[in-house]
């Protein structure tokens, strides 16, 4: 196994996961901000807003999980490193 290829693979996986985590964090923060604003404007709709918020946060978080799976595949079953 080539050490430089393994090092570059680990670096790429770290950068990929960092970008995915940052994007998901920003998306979740914006979604939560919008839900809080909506609840503040119309408190009676708080229950419906919460259900929609939880569903939306689950979709956003699934993107981070997909990125984690891709990075684990890149690290464990790397097609670029012969071995």
N, C-alpha and C. Protein backbone atom coordinates (compact mmCIF):
# COMPACT_ATOMS: atom_id res chain seq x y z
N UNK A 1 0.85 -1.18 0.00
CA UNK A 1 0.00 0.00 0.00
C UNK A 1 0.89 1.24 0.00
N UNK A 2 0.61 2.13 -0.89
CA UNK A 2 1.39 3.34 -1.03
C UNK A 2 1.02 4.32 0.09
N UNK A 3 2.03 4.78 0.82
CA UNK A 3 1.77 5.64 1.97
C UNK A 3 1.23 7.00 1.55
N UNK A 4 1.73 7.53 0.44
CA UNK A 4 1.23 8.84 0.01
C UNK A 4 -0.22 8.77 -0.46
N UNK A 5 -0.59 7.67 -1.11
CA UNK A 5 -1.99 7.51 -1.54
C UNK A 5 -2.90 7.37 -0.33
N UNK A 6 -2.45 6.65 0.69
CA UNK A 6 -3.24 6.50 1.90
C UNK A 6 -3.38 7.84 2.63
N UNK A 7 -2.31 8.60 2.67
CA UNK A 7 -2.36 9.92 3.30
C UNK A 7 -3.31 10.87 2.58
N UNK A 8 -3.24 10.86 1.25
CA UNK A 8 -4.15 11.71 0.48
C UNK A 8 -5.60 11.27 0.63
N UNK A 9 -5.81 9.96 0.73
CA UNK A 9 -7.17 9.45 0.93
C UNK A 9 -7.72 9.89 2.28
N UNK A 10 -6.90 9.79 3.31
CA UNK A 10 -7.34 10.24 4.64
C UNK A 10 -7.62 11.74 4.65
N UNK A 11 -6.78 12.50 3.98
CA UNK A 11 -7.00 13.95 3.90
C UNK A 11 -8.28 14.27 3.15
N UNK A 12 -8.53 13.58 2.04
CA UNK A 12 -9.75 13.81 1.27
C UNK A 12 -10.99 13.44 2.07
N UNK A 13 -10.91 12.34 2.82
CA UNK A 13 -12.05 11.94 3.64
C UNK A 13 -12.31 12.96 4.74
N UNK A 14 -11.26 13.49 5.33
CA UNK A 14 -11.43 14.49 6.39
C UNK A 14 -12.03 15.78 5.84
N UNK A 15 -11.54 16.22 4.70
CA UNK A 15 -12.08 17.44 4.09
C UNK A 15 -13.53 17.23 3.67
N UNK A 16 -13.83 16.07 3.09
CA UNK A 16 -15.20 15.78 2.67
C UNK A 16 -16.17 15.77 3.84
N UNK A 17 -15.77 15.16 4.94
CA UNK A 17 -16.65 15.11 6.10
C UNK A 17 -16.79 16.49 6.74
N UNK A 18 -15.73 17.27 6.72
CA UNK A 18 -15.80 18.62 7.29
C UNK A 18 -16.76 19.50 6.48
N UNK A 19 -16.69 19.40 5.17
CA UNK A 19 -17.59 20.19 4.33
C UNK A 19 -19.03 19.74 4.53
N UNK A 20 -19.25 18.43 4.59
CA UNK A 20 -20.61 17.91 4.79
C UNK A 20 -21.16 18.33 6.15
N UNK A 21 -20.34 18.26 7.18
CA UNK A 21 -20.81 18.64 8.52
C UNK A 21 -21.10 20.14 8.59
N UNK A 22 -20.26 20.94 7.96
CA UNK A 22 -20.49 22.39 7.97
C UNK A 22 -21.76 22.74 7.21
N UNK A 23 -21.95 22.12 6.06
CA UNK A 23 -23.17 22.38 5.28
C UNK A 23 -24.43 21.97 6.02
N UNK A 24 -24.38 20.81 6.66
CA UNK A 24 -25.55 20.35 7.41
C UNK A 24 -25.80 21.24 8.62
N UNK A 25 -24.75 21.67 9.28
CA UNK A 25 -24.93 22.56 10.42
C UNK A 25 -25.55 23.89 10.03
N UNK A 26 -25.11 24.44 8.92
CA UNK A 26 -25.69 25.69 8.43
C UNK A 26 -27.15 25.48 8.04
N UNK A 27 -27.43 24.39 7.34
CA UNK A 27 -28.80 24.10 6.94
C UNK A 27 -29.73 23.90 8.11
N UNK A 28 -29.26 23.19 9.12
CA UNK A 28 -30.09 22.97 10.30
C UNK A 28 -30.31 24.27 11.06
N UNK A 29 -29.29 25.09 11.13
CA UNK A 29 -29.44 26.37 11.81
C UNK A 29 -30.45 27.28 11.12
N UNK A 30 -30.39 27.32 9.79
CA UNK A 30 -31.35 28.14 9.06
C UNK A 30 -32.77 27.60 9.19
N UNK A 31 -32.90 26.27 9.18
CA UNK A 31 -34.23 25.68 9.36
C UNK A 31 -34.80 25.97 10.73
N UNK A 32 -33.96 25.87 11.75
CA UNK A 32 -34.42 26.16 13.11
C UNK A 32 -34.78 27.63 13.27
N UNK A 33 -34.00 28.51 12.65
CA UNK A 33 -34.31 29.94 12.71
C UNK A 33 -35.68 30.22 12.09
N UNK A 34 -35.94 29.61 10.93
CA UNK A 34 -37.23 29.82 10.26
C UNK A 34 -38.38 29.26 11.09
N UNK A 35 -38.16 28.11 11.73
CA UNK A 35 -39.21 27.53 12.57
C UNK A 35 -39.49 28.40 13.79
N UNK A 36 -38.45 28.93 14.39
CA UNK A 36 -38.65 29.81 15.55
C UNK A 36 -39.37 31.10 15.14
N UNK A 37 -39.00 31.65 13.98
CA UNK A 37 -39.69 32.85 13.50
C UNK A 37 -41.16 32.55 13.21
N UNK A 38 -41.44 31.42 12.60
CA UNK A 38 -42.82 31.05 12.30
C UNK A 38 -43.64 30.83 13.54
N UNK A 39 -43.05 30.20 14.55
CA UNK A 39 -43.77 29.98 15.80
C UNK A 39 -43.99 31.30 16.54
N UNK A 40 -43.03 32.21 16.45
CA UNK A 40 -43.20 33.51 17.10
C UNK A 40 -44.31 34.32 16.44
N UNK A 41 -44.45 34.20 15.13
CA UNK A 41 -45.49 34.94 14.42
C UNK A 41 -46.87 34.33 14.63
N UNK A 42 -46.92 32.99 14.69
CA UNK A 42 -48.21 32.30 14.81
C UNK A 42 -48.06 31.15 15.80
N UNK A 43 -48.23 31.41 17.09
CA UNK A 43 -48.02 30.37 18.11
C UNK A 43 -48.98 29.19 17.98
N UNK A 44 -50.16 29.40 17.39
CA UNK A 44 -51.12 28.30 17.25
C UNK A 44 -50.63 27.24 16.27
N UNK A 45 -49.77 27.61 15.34
CA UNK A 45 -49.26 26.67 14.34
C UNK A 45 -47.98 26.00 14.79
N UNK A 46 -47.65 26.11 16.06
CA UNK A 46 -46.40 25.55 16.57
C UNK A 46 -46.28 24.05 16.38
N UNK A 47 -47.37 23.32 16.56
CA UNK A 47 -47.33 21.87 16.40
C UNK A 47 -47.03 21.45 14.97
N UNK A 48 -47.69 22.09 14.01
CA UNK A 48 -47.45 21.76 12.60
C UNK A 48 -46.04 22.16 12.18
N UNK A 49 -45.59 23.30 12.68
CA UNK A 49 -44.25 23.75 12.35
C UNK A 49 -43.22 22.79 12.91
N UNK A 50 -43.45 22.29 14.13
CA UNK A 50 -42.49 21.37 14.74
C UNK A 50 -42.39 20.06 13.96
N UNK A 51 -43.52 19.54 13.50
CA UNK A 51 -43.50 18.30 12.72
C UNK A 51 -42.73 18.50 11.42
N UNK A 52 -42.99 19.60 10.74
CA UNK A 52 -42.28 19.90 9.50
C UNK A 52 -40.80 20.13 9.77
N UNK A 53 -40.48 20.79 10.87
CA UNK A 53 -39.08 21.03 11.22
C UNK A 53 -38.35 19.72 11.47
N UNK A 54 -38.95 18.82 12.22
CA UNK A 54 -38.28 17.55 12.51
C UNK A 54 -38.06 16.75 11.24
N UNK A 55 -39.04 16.74 10.35
CA UNK A 55 -38.89 16.03 9.08
C UNK A 55 -37.78 16.66 8.23
N UNK A 56 -37.75 17.98 8.17
CA UNK A 56 -36.71 18.66 7.42
C UNK A 56 -35.33 18.44 7.99
N UNK A 57 -35.22 18.47 9.33
CA UNK A 57 -33.92 18.22 9.96
C UNK A 57 -33.44 16.80 9.72
N UNK A 58 -34.38 15.85 9.66
CA UNK A 58 -34.00 14.47 9.36
C UNK A 58 -33.44 14.35 7.95
N UNK A 59 -34.05 15.06 6.99
CA UNK A 59 -33.54 15.03 5.62
C UNK A 59 -32.16 15.67 5.53
N UNK A 60 -31.96 16.77 6.23
CA UNK A 60 -30.66 17.44 6.22
C UNK A 60 -29.61 16.55 6.87
N UNK A 61 -29.95 15.92 7.97
CA UNK A 61 -28.99 15.06 8.68
C UNK A 61 -28.66 13.82 7.86
N UNK A 62 -29.59 13.37 7.04
CA UNK A 62 -29.31 12.20 6.20
C UNK A 62 -28.18 12.49 5.22
N UNK A 63 -28.04 13.73 4.80
CA UNK A 63 -26.93 14.08 3.91
C UNK A 63 -25.59 13.89 4.60
N UNK A 64 -25.50 14.24 5.87
CA UNK A 64 -24.26 14.03 6.62
C UNK A 64 -23.99 12.54 6.80
N UNK A 65 -25.03 11.75 7.00
CA UNK A 65 -24.85 10.31 7.14
C UNK A 65 -24.37 9.71 5.83
N UNK A 66 -24.93 10.16 4.69
CA UNK A 66 -24.46 9.68 3.39
C UNK A 66 -22.99 10.04 3.18
N UNK A 67 -22.60 11.24 3.56
CA UNK A 67 -21.20 11.64 3.43
C UNK A 67 -20.30 10.78 4.31
N UNK A 68 -20.77 10.45 5.51
CA UNK A 68 -20.00 9.58 6.39
C UNK A 68 -19.82 8.20 5.77
N UNK A 69 -20.87 7.66 5.18
CA UNK A 69 -20.78 6.34 4.54
C UNK A 69 -19.81 6.37 3.37
N UNK A 70 -19.89 7.40 2.55
CA UNK A 70 -18.97 7.52 1.41
C UNK A 70 -17.53 7.63 1.90
N UNK A 71 -17.30 8.40 2.95
CA UNK A 71 -15.94 8.55 3.47
C UNK A 71 -15.43 7.25 4.08
N UNK A 72 -16.29 6.50 4.77
CA UNK A 72 -15.87 5.21 5.31
C UNK A 72 -15.55 4.22 4.19
N UNK A 73 -16.34 4.24 3.13
CA UNK A 73 -16.03 3.38 1.98
C UNK A 73 -14.70 3.79 1.37
N UNK A 74 -14.46 5.09 1.28
CA UNK A 74 -13.21 5.58 0.73
C UNK A 74 -12.02 5.15 1.58
N UNK A 75 -12.20 5.11 2.89
CA UNK A 75 -11.10 4.72 3.78
C UNK A 75 -10.90 3.21 3.86
N UNK A 76 -12.00 2.45 3.89
CA UNK A 76 -11.89 1.01 4.13
C UNK A 76 -11.74 0.23 2.83
N UNK A 77 -12.58 0.49 1.87
CA UNK A 77 -12.56 -0.25 0.61
C UNK A 77 -12.12 0.67 -0.51
N UNK A 78 -10.95 1.21 -0.39
CA UNK A 78 -10.46 2.20 -1.32
C UNK A 78 -10.08 1.56 -2.65
N UNK A 79 -10.74 1.93 -3.74
CA UNK A 79 -10.39 1.34 -5.03
C UNK A 79 -9.11 1.93 -5.62
N UNK A 80 -8.62 3.03 -5.07
CA UNK A 80 -7.45 3.68 -5.62
C UNK A 80 -6.14 3.13 -5.05
N UNK A 81 -6.24 2.35 -3.99
CA UNK A 81 -5.05 1.77 -3.37
C UNK A 81 -5.10 0.27 -3.59
N UNK A 82 -4.14 -0.24 -4.30
CA UNK A 82 -4.09 -1.68 -4.54
C UNK A 82 -3.63 -2.40 -3.28
N UNK A 83 -4.17 -3.59 -3.07
CA UNK A 83 -3.71 -4.27 -1.86
C UNK A 83 -4.45 -5.43 -1.58
